[in-house]
Amino acid sequence: MKIPFSPPDISEKEIEYVSEALHSGWITTGPRVKQLEENLAAFIGTKRAVCLNSQTACAEMALRLLGIGPGDEVITCAYTYTASASVIDHVGATIKLVDCQKDSLEMDYDALKNAITEKTKAIIPVDLAGIPCNYDRILQIVNDKKDLFTPCKEEGLAGRLQKSLGRVAVLADGAHALGASYKGKNVGTIADFTAFSFHAVKNLTTGEGGCLSWKSFEDVDDEEIYHQIQLYSLHGQSKDAFTKNKPGAWEYDVEGLWYKCNMTDIMAAIGLAQLERYPQLLEKRKAMIQKYDAAFKPLGIEVLPHYTEEHISSGHLYLTRIPFEHLQKERSGDARRNEIITKMAEAGIACNVHYKPLPLLSAYQKLGFDIKDYPNAYEHYANEITLPLHTRLTEEETDYIIEQFIKITRDYIS
């Protein structure tokens, strides 16, 4: 067998919708993007949502909406993909990393609390693998630290948003988490802003793409937030191309020297079809995770808790940890982990690692980060293997993955 790690699940419906978009004569930002935004807002449970060309753009726009920049600090977890932190640098703010917990991939909340200073303007928690963070704890922390927070003096939207919050903002990296929920609340309605990813490997894809949702703010209209993101995403132009194309409506203004990160109708056509299929795709992921869990947990292979009384995961990634003997003393688990991945590849199964902690990457080392300061992140990484988990997997392929993974890891488990 040849089992890829995470191919997109594209049906005839997506092909049909894209074909209709191409034949419509309107392929850039237009009616399909607007429809996808409406459908996603309804699915998530917010009044508004904005679709852009990536989760990264969405996360950056949230920071810019809040006026976060030079002199400000933003905290995120060391155990994540670079996009969670790089957006902080994009706006000129200072990246602050905290370690994850010893027994969880969530950030160490005690460390988070201690990291908040007078300069802290936002926290970017990560719903890794589609599992929601402990939002109660995060919101408690930022509320407990209100006395350290001073809103920016800007009189515009950013200043009003910061004053409305009156505390450090919570800007969730929900790249993996569309469809997840925490204590009965959908991810996307809990944090102040949440950025989702529709990249090719995500549960719901538009090829590239992303969505930003937000909670409603006192004294700030949702339409004002939506309009400002539209300006940011299209060069500050007061009218998008679809609006300009209406008879006699050519004239426009440029209100700021801003950015270019809009979604196209071709991308949105894929997303509209994917969203219609999404509840069934989530159920299939859940069934595969439960099958994996039943096979691996009795063997001592550590897996993430996707479905509990407290939260429901989107089931985006299936992370495992192999309990190598003396891992912490020898610090050689990553070499043995790589041997297992190679042997799985030789069996025709593509695996991955999520993630290489940010302080192991040269760009973050140049900023002064050292993995020695994040021991929990290293220990989680050193023996982590991510198995294929996608909705194109057949029962036969899933059984084969289980069989080979058990066979190959048997000699490594202490």
Protein backbone atom coordinates (compact mmCIF):
# COMPACT_ATOMS: atom_id res chain seq x y z
CA MET A 1 0.00 0.00 0.00
CA LYS A 2 0.94 3.65 -0.50
CA ILE A 3 -0.84 5.80 2.06
CA PRO A 4 -0.24 9.58 1.85
CA PHE A 5 -0.26 11.65 5.01
CA SER A 6 -3.08 14.12 4.35
CA PRO A 7 -4.46 14.52 0.81
CA PRO A 8 -7.44 16.85 0.30
CA ASP A 9 -10.87 15.23 0.16
CA ILE A 10 -12.32 16.65 -3.06
CA SER A 11 -15.62 15.31 -4.37
CA GLU A 12 -17.58 15.95 -7.55
CA LYS A 13 -19.47 18.66 -5.64
CA GLU A 14 -16.32 20.80 -5.25
CA ILE A 15 -15.49 20.32 -8.93
CA GLU A 16 -19.03 21.30 -9.91
CA TYR A 17 -19.00 24.43 -7.74
CA VAL A 18 -15.59 25.54 -9.07
CA SER A 19 -16.76 24.94 -12.63
CA GLU A 20 -19.80 27.12 -11.99
CA ALA A 21 -17.53 29.85 -10.61
CA LEU A 22 -15.28 29.70 -13.66
CA HIS A 23 -18.23 29.83 -16.03
CA SER A 24 -19.78 32.73 -14.11
CA GLY A 25 -17.10 35.12 -15.32
CA TRP A 26 -16.37 36.19 -11.73
CA ILE A 27 -13.38 34.42 -10.20
CA THR A 28 -11.85 36.89 -7.72
CA THR A 29 -13.51 38.16 -4.52
CA GLY A 30 -17.23 38.23 -5.19
CA PRO A 31 -20.58 36.65 -4.32
CA ARG A 32 -19.19 33.22 -3.43
CA VAL A 33 -16.77 34.68 -0.89
CA LYS A 34 -19.61 36.66 0.68
CA GLN A 35 -21.79 33.53 0.79
CA LEU A 36 -19.03 31.47 2.36
CA GLU A 37 -18.54 34.14 5.02
CA GLU A 38 -22.26 34.05 5.84
CA ASN A 39 -22.33 30.25 5.95
CA LEU A 40 -19.24 30.05 8.15
CA ALA A 41 -20.57 32.66 10.58
CA ALA A 42 -23.75 30.59 10.89
CA PHE A 43 -21.77 27.37 11.35
CA ILE A 44 -19.45 28.88 13.96
CA GLY A 45 -22.16 30.86 15.71
CA THR A 46 -20.96 34.45 15.28
CA LYS A 47 -22.60 37.46 13.68
CA ARG A 48 -19.78 37.93 11.19
CA ALA A 49 -16.78 36.17 9.70
CA VAL A 50 -14.20 37.25 7.14
CA CYS A 51 -12.50 34.96 4.62
CA LEU A 52 -8.93 35.76 3.57
CA ASN A 53 -6.17 33.91 1.70
CA SER A 54 -4.67 32.21 4.79
CA GLN A 55 -5.02 31.69 8.51
CA THR A 56 -1.79 33.65 8.86
CA ALA A 57 -3.36 36.69 7.21
CA CYS A 58 -6.40 36.35 9.47
CA ALA A 59 -4.25 36.23 12.60
CA GLU A 60 -2.19 39.20 11.47
CA MET A 61 -5.31 41.25 10.68
CA ALA A 62 -6.59 40.60 14.22
CA LEU A 63 -3.36 42.02 15.65
CA ARG A 64 -3.60 45.03 13.34
CA LEU A 65 -7.25 45.64 14.23
CA LEU A 66 -6.15 45.91 17.85
CA GLY A 67 -3.33 48.30 16.98
CA ILE A 68 -0.68 45.95 18.34
CA GLY A 69 2.84 46.81 17.19
CA PRO A 70 6.29 48.03 18.28
CA GLY A 71 6.69 48.22 22.04
CA ASP A 72 3.99 45.62 22.65
CA GLU A 73 4.46 41.98 23.66
CA VAL A 74 2.38 39.01 22.52
CA ILE A 75 2.61 35.59 24.15
CA THR A 76 2.22 32.20 22.47
CA CYS A 77 3.35 28.63 23.06
CA ALA A 78 6.76 27.26 22.04
CA TYR A 79 5.08 24.05 20.84
CA THR A 80 3.35 25.17 17.66
CA TYR A 81 3.87 25.96 13.97
CA THR A 82 5.73 29.15 13.12
CA ALA A 83 2.59 30.96 11.89
CA SER A 84 1.35 31.25 15.48
CA ALA A 85 4.35 33.45 16.32
CA SER A 86 5.56 34.95 13.04
CA VAL A 87 2.51 37.22 12.81
CA ILE A 88 3.66 38.88 16.03
CA ASP A 89 6.90 39.83 14.31
CA HIS A 90 5.00 40.94 11.19
CA VAL A 91 3.33 43.76 13.12
CA GLY A 92 6.56 44.75 14.90
CA ALA A 93 5.61 43.44 18.33
CA THR A 94 7.86 41.27 20.51
CA ILE A 95 7.36 37.49 20.56
CA LYS A 96 7.20 35.95 24.04
CA LEU A 97 7.18 32.14 24.21
CA VAL A 98 6.06 29.96 27.10
CA ASP A 99 6.64 26.24 27.48
CA CYS A 100 3.87 23.69 27.16
CA GLN A 101 2.74 21.58 30.11
CA LYS A 102 4.66 18.46 31.12
CA ASP A 103 1.65 16.21 30.51
CA SER A 104 -0.12 18.21 27.80
CA LEU A 105 0.62 20.11 24.59
CA GLU A 106 -1.34 23.11 25.88
CA MET A 107 0.73 26.02 27.08
CA ASP A 108 1.77 26.05 30.73
CA TYR A 109 -0.88 28.32 32.17
CA ASP A 110 1.13 29.15 35.28
CA ALA A 111 4.00 30.22 33.02
CA LEU A 112 1.54 32.22 30.94
CA LYS A 113 0.30 34.06 34.01
CA ASN A 114 3.85 34.89 35.07
CA ALA A 115 4.78 36.07 31.54
CA ILE A 116 2.15 38.82 31.39
CA THR A 117 3.61 42.29 31.93
CA GLU A 118 2.53 45.89 31.37
CA LYS A 119 3.66 45.47 27.76
CA THR A 120 1.51 42.41 27.03
CA LYS A 121 -1.31 43.19 24.62
CA ALA A 122 -2.39 39.73 23.43
CA ILE A 123 -2.11 35.98 23.94
CA ILE A 124 -2.25 33.51 21.06
CA PRO A 125 -3.30 30.11 22.45
CA VAL A 126 -3.21 27.18 20.01
CA ASP A 127 -5.97 24.59 19.56
CA LEU A 128 -3.41 21.98 18.54
CA ALA A 129 -4.70 18.98 16.56
CA GLY A 130 -8.21 20.43 16.80
CA ILE A 131 -8.42 20.09 20.60
CA PRO A 132 -9.61 23.29 22.31
CA CYS A 133 -7.43 24.95 24.92
CA ASN A 134 -8.64 25.49 28.46
CA TYR A 135 -10.34 28.76 27.62
CA ASP A 136 -11.77 29.17 31.11
CA ARG A 137 -8.25 29.22 32.54
CA ILE A 138 -6.94 31.59 29.86
CA LEU A 139 -9.79 34.08 30.28
CA GLN A 140 -9.43 33.89 34.06
CA ILE A 141 -5.73 34.71 33.76
CA VAL A 142 -6.23 37.77 31.53
CA ASN A 143 -9.02 39.03 33.78
CA ASP A 144 -6.88 38.51 36.90
CA LYS A 145 -4.14 40.58 35.23
CA LYS A 146 -6.38 43.49 34.23
CA ASP A 147 -4.52 45.86 36.52
CA LEU A 148 -1.39 45.54 34.34
CA PHE A 149 -3.23 46.42 31.13
CA THR A 150 -3.29 49.92 29.67
CA PRO A 151 -5.19 50.36 26.39
CA CYS A 152 -3.49 52.20 23.58
CA LYS A 153 -4.25 55.91 23.25
CA GLU A 154 -5.37 55.68 19.63
CA GLU A 155 -8.81 57.23 19.17
CA GLY A 156 -9.77 54.99 16.24
CA LEU A 157 -11.04 51.42 16.09
CA ALA A 158 -7.95 49.89 17.72
CA GLY A 159 -8.23 52.12 20.76
CA ARG A 160 -11.94 51.46 21.14
CA LEU A 161 -11.40 47.69 20.85
CA GLN A 162 -8.69 47.71 23.50
CA LYS A 163 -10.78 49.90 25.81
CA SER A 164 -13.81 47.66 25.28
CA LEU A 165 -11.74 44.62 26.32
CA GLY A 166 -10.00 46.34 29.22
CA ARG A 167 -7.51 43.46 29.36
CA VAL A 168 -5.05 41.45 27.30
CA ALA A 169 -6.74 40.16 24.13
CA VAL A 170 -7.12 36.43 23.45
CA LEU A 171 -6.47 35.75 19.76
CA ALA A 172 -6.86 32.01 19.27
CA ASP A 173 -4.93 30.08 16.67
CA GLY A 174 -7.82 27.84 15.63
CA ALA A 175 -6.08 26.71 12.44
CA HIS A 176 -6.92 23.07 13.24
CA ALA A 177 -10.16 23.60 15.11
CA LEU A 178 -13.12 24.39 12.84
CA GLY A 179 -16.03 22.43 14.27
CA ALA A 180 -14.48 21.90 17.70
CA SER A 181 -16.23 22.96 20.89
CA TYR A 182 -15.33 23.67 24.52
CA LYS A 183 -17.95 23.18 27.23
CA GLY A 184 -20.70 23.39 24.66
CA LYS A 185 -19.39 26.56 22.99
CA ASN A 186 -18.02 26.46 19.45
CA VAL A 187 -14.40 27.39 18.91
CA GLY A 188 -14.62 30.75 17.20
CA THR A 189 -17.10 32.13 19.73
CA ILE A 190 -14.94 31.89 22.88
CA ALA A 191 -11.72 33.82 22.24
CA ASP A 192 -11.91 37.50 21.30
CA PHE A 193 -10.73 36.60 17.79
CA THR A 194 -10.16 33.17 16.24
CA ALA A 195 -8.27 32.46 13.02
CA PHE A 196 -9.04 29.23 11.14
CA SER A 197 -7.04 27.62 8.33
CA PHE A 198 -8.38 26.18 5.06
CA HIS A 199 -4.99 25.04 3.77
CA ALA A 200 -4.89 21.93 1.57
CA VAL A 201 -4.18 19.58 4.50
CA LYS A 202 -6.91 20.95 6.79
CA ASN A 203 -10.25 19.29 7.54
CA LEU A 204 -12.01 21.86 5.36
CA THR A 205 -9.97 23.25 2.50
CA THR A 206 -10.17 26.01 -0.05
CA GLY A 207 -6.70 25.12 -1.39
CA GLU A 208 -5.24 28.00 0.57
CA GLY A 209 -7.35 30.26 2.71
CA GLY A 210 -8.62 31.08 6.15
CA CYS A 211 -11.39 32.66 8.17
CA LEU A 212 -11.43 35.14 11.05
CA SER A 213 -14.30 35.18 13.53
CA TRP A 214 -14.79 37.32 16.63
CA LYS A 215 -17.01 37.90 19.61
CA SER A 216 -19.13 41.03 19.53
CA PHE A 217 -17.69 43.99 21.45
CA GLU A 218 -19.49 46.64 23.47
CA ASP A 219 -19.44 50.03 21.72
CA VAL A 220 -17.92 48.54 18.54
CA ASP A 221 -20.18 47.47 15.70
CA ASP A 222 -19.45 44.12 14.01
CA GLU A 223 -19.89 45.79 10.62
CA GLU A 224 -17.14 48.29 11.44
CA ILE A 225 -14.75 45.43 12.23
CA TYR A 226 -15.77 43.63 9.04
CA HIS A 227 -15.30 46.77 6.94
CA GLN A 228 -11.86 47.47 8.40
CA ILE A 229 -10.68 43.94 7.58
CA GLN A 230 -11.96 44.43 4.02
CA LEU A 231 -9.84 47.58 3.79
CA TYR A 232 -6.77 45.85 5.22
CA SER A 233 -7.11 42.90 2.84
CA LEU A 234 -7.42 44.88 -0.40
CA HIS A 235 -4.86 47.72 -0.40
CA GLY A 236 -7.09 49.97 1.69
CA GLN A 237 -9.43 50.30 -1.27
CA SER A 238 -12.88 51.51 -0.28
CA LYS A 239 -14.67 49.23 -2.76
CA ASP A 240 -13.83 45.65 -3.69
CA ALA A 241 -13.70 44.66 -7.36
CA PHE A 242 -17.19 43.16 -7.28
CA THR A 243 -18.71 46.40 -5.97
CA LYS A 244 -16.70 48.52 -8.43
CA ASN A 245 -17.94 46.37 -11.30
CA LYS A 246 -21.53 47.47 -10.80
CA PRO A 247 -22.75 50.00 -13.43
CA GLY A 248 -21.49 53.49 -12.70
CA ALA A 249 -19.71 52.44 -9.51
CA TRP A 250 -16.12 52.59 -10.71
CA GLU A 251 -14.93 55.37 -8.42
CA TYR A 252 -13.15 54.43 -5.19
CA ASP A 253 -10.77 55.76 -2.57
CA VAL A 254 -7.69 54.28 -0.91
CA GLU A 255 -8.05 54.87 2.81
CA GLY A 256 -4.70 53.43 3.91
CA LEU A 257 -1.51 51.92 2.49
CA TRP A 258 -2.44 48.41 3.51
CA TYR A 259 -2.25 44.81 2.33
CA LYS A 260 -3.39 42.25 -0.24
CA CYS A 261 -4.74 39.01 1.23
CA ASN A 262 -8.30 38.59 -0.05
CA MET A 263 -9.92 35.24 -0.87
CA THR A 264 -11.10 34.49 -4.41
CA ASP A 265 -14.45 33.12 -5.56
CA ILE A 266 -12.67 30.06 -6.94
CA MET A 267 -11.38 29.27 -3.45
CA ALA A 268 -14.75 30.06 -1.91
CA ALA A 269 -16.50 27.69 -4.34
CA ILE A 270 -14.41 24.84 -2.96
CA GLY A 271 -15.18 25.99 0.57
CA LEU A 272 -18.93 26.16 -0.01
CA ALA A 273 -18.97 22.54 -1.16
CA GLN A 274 -16.67 21.45 1.66
CA LEU A 275 -18.83 23.13 4.30
CA GLU A 276 -21.92 21.33 3.04
CA ARG A 277 -20.09 18.02 3.51
CA TYR A 278 -18.32 19.02 6.72
CA PRO A 279 -20.55 17.40 9.39
CA GLN A 280 -20.09 14.01 7.72
CA LEU A 281 -16.34 14.57 7.38
CA LEU A 282 -16.09 15.34 11.11
CA GLU A 283 -17.98 12.15 11.99
CA LYS A 284 -15.63 10.07 9.83
CA ARG A 285 -12.61 11.58 11.57
CA LYS A 286 -14.12 10.80 14.95
CA ALA A 287 -14.68 7.16 14.00
CA MET A 288 -11.06 6.79 12.83
CA ILE A 289 -9.70 8.38 16.02
CA GLN A 290 -11.76 6.07 18.18
CA LYS A 291 -10.47 3.08 16.21
CA TYR A 292 -6.86 4.25 16.62
CA ASP A 293 -7.39 4.88 20.34
CA ALA A 294 -8.82 1.41 20.92
CA ALA A 295 -5.76 -0.15 19.26
CA PHE A 296 -2.97 1.99 20.72
CA LYS A 297 -3.93 3.04 24.24
CA PRO A 298 -3.79 -0.51 25.69
CA LEU A 299 -0.18 -0.77 24.45
CA GLY A 300 0.98 2.29 26.37
CA ILE A 301 1.24 4.52 23.30
CA GLU A 302 0.25 8.00 24.44
CA VAL A 303 -2.48 9.74 22.44
CA LEU A 304 -4.32 13.04 22.77
CA PRO A 305 -7.79 13.24 24.38
CA HIS A 306 -9.91 14.31 21.41
CA TYR A 307 -13.35 13.65 22.87
CA THR A 308 -14.09 14.27 26.53
CA GLU A 309 -16.96 15.56 28.66
CA GLU A 310 -15.33 19.00 28.50
CA HIS A 311 -14.50 19.32 24.83
CA ILE A 312 -15.12 17.95 21.34
CA SER A 313 -12.18 18.01 18.94
CA SER A 314 -12.32 18.65 15.21
CA GLY A 315 -10.12 15.56 14.91
CA HIS A 316 -7.56 17.26 12.71
CA LEU A 317 -4.36 15.41 13.67
CA TYR A 318 -3.59 12.11 15.37
CA LEU A 319 -0.48 12.68 17.48
CA THR A 320 1.14 9.78 19.32
CA ARG A 321 4.04 9.55 21.74
CA ILE A 322 6.19 6.45 22.02
CA PRO A 323 7.27 5.76 25.63
CA PHE A 324 10.97 5.21 24.98
CA GLU A 325 12.94 4.01 28.00
CA HIS A 326 15.27 6.60 29.57
CA LEU A 327 14.22 9.27 27.05
CA GLN A 328 14.83 12.19 29.39
CA LYS A 329 18.29 10.98 30.41
CA GLU A 330 19.57 10.07 26.97
CA ARG A 331 17.73 12.78 24.97
CA SER A 332 17.95 10.44 21.97
CA GLY A 333 14.26 9.83 21.50
CA ASP A 334 14.17 11.90 18.33
CA ALA A 335 16.64 9.54 16.62
CA ARG A 336 14.58 6.48 17.53
CA ARG A 337 11.41 8.31 16.57
CA ASN A 338 12.88 9.02 13.14
CA GLU A 339 13.74 5.33 12.74
CA ILE A 340 10.09 4.45 13.27
CA ILE A 341 8.96 7.05 10.73
CA THR A 342 11.44 5.64 8.21
CA LYS A 343 10.20 2.10 8.78
CA MET A 344 6.59 3.24 8.39
CA ALA A 345 7.58 4.91 5.11
CA GLU A 346 9.19 1.66 3.95
CA ALA A 347 5.82 0.01 4.68
CA GLY A 348 4.18 2.60 2.43
CA ILE A 349 2.76 4.82 5.20
CA ALA A 350 3.63 8.53 5.31
CA CYS A 351 3.90 9.92 8.85
CA ASN A 352 4.81 13.36 10.16
CA VAL A 353 5.91 15.22 13.29
CA HIS A 354 3.81 17.98 14.89
CA TYR A 355 5.71 20.09 15.74
CA LYS A 356 9.34 20.98 15.90
CA PRO A 357 9.28 23.46 18.82
CA LEU A 358 9.95 27.02 17.69
CA PRO A 359 13.24 27.38 19.66
CA LEU A 360 14.72 24.54 17.57
CA LEU A 361 14.25 26.61 14.39
CA SER A 362 17.05 28.90 13.25
CA ALA A 363 14.82 31.96 12.81
CA TYR A 364 13.83 31.81 16.49
CA GLN A 365 17.34 31.00 17.64
CA LYS A 366 18.44 34.24 15.93
CA LEU A 367 15.88 36.03 18.13
CA GLY A 368 17.56 34.53 21.21
CA PHE A 369 15.27 31.61 21.99
CA ASP A 370 16.96 28.47 23.37
CA ILE A 371 15.30 25.05 23.55
CA LYS A 372 16.89 24.53 26.97
CA ASP A 373 14.37 27.03 28.31
CA TYR A 374 11.48 24.89 27.03
CA PRO A 375 12.18 21.37 28.32
CA ASN A 376 8.59 20.16 28.15
CA ALA A 377 8.25 21.18 24.51
CA TYR A 378 11.44 19.27 23.69
CA GLU A 379 10.35 16.12 25.51
CA HIS A 380 6.98 16.10 23.76
CA TYR A 381 8.63 16.60 20.39
CA ALA A 382 11.38 14.04 20.83
CA ASN A 383 9.13 10.99 20.67
CA GLU A 384 6.10 12.35 18.79
CA ILE A 385 4.79 10.67 15.62
CA THR A 386 1.71 11.84 13.74
CA LEU A 387 -0.19 9.13 11.86
CA PRO A 388 -2.29 9.65 8.73
CA LEU A 389 -5.78 10.85 9.61
CA HIS A 390 -7.87 11.94 6.65
CA THR A 391 -11.29 11.23 5.22
CA ARG A 392 -10.01 9.45 2.13
CA LEU A 393 -8.66 6.58 4.23
CA THR A 394 -10.46 3.28 3.74
CA GLU A 395 -11.16 0.73 6.47
CA GLU A 396 -8.52 -1.51 4.94
CA GLU A 397 -5.94 1.27 4.98
CA THR A 398 -6.76 2.23 8.57
CA ASP A 399 -6.37 -1.40 9.66
CA TYR A 400 -3.04 -1.60 7.80
CA ILE A 401 -1.75 1.57 9.54
CA ILE A 402 -2.67 0.11 12.93
CA GLU A 403 -1.08 -3.24 12.12
CA GLN A 404 2.19 -1.75 10.88
CA PHE A 405 2.47 0.86 13.64
CA ILE A 406 2.03 -1.78 16.35
CA LYS A 407 4.46 -4.13 14.61
CA ILE A 408 7.15 -1.47 14.14
CA THR A 409 6.87 0.22 17.54
CA ARG A 410 6.78 -3.04 19.52
CA ASP A 411 10.57 -3.22 19.74
CA TYR A 412 10.86 0.42 20.88
CA ILE A 413 8.32 0.51 23.67
CA SER A 414 9.85 0.00 27.09
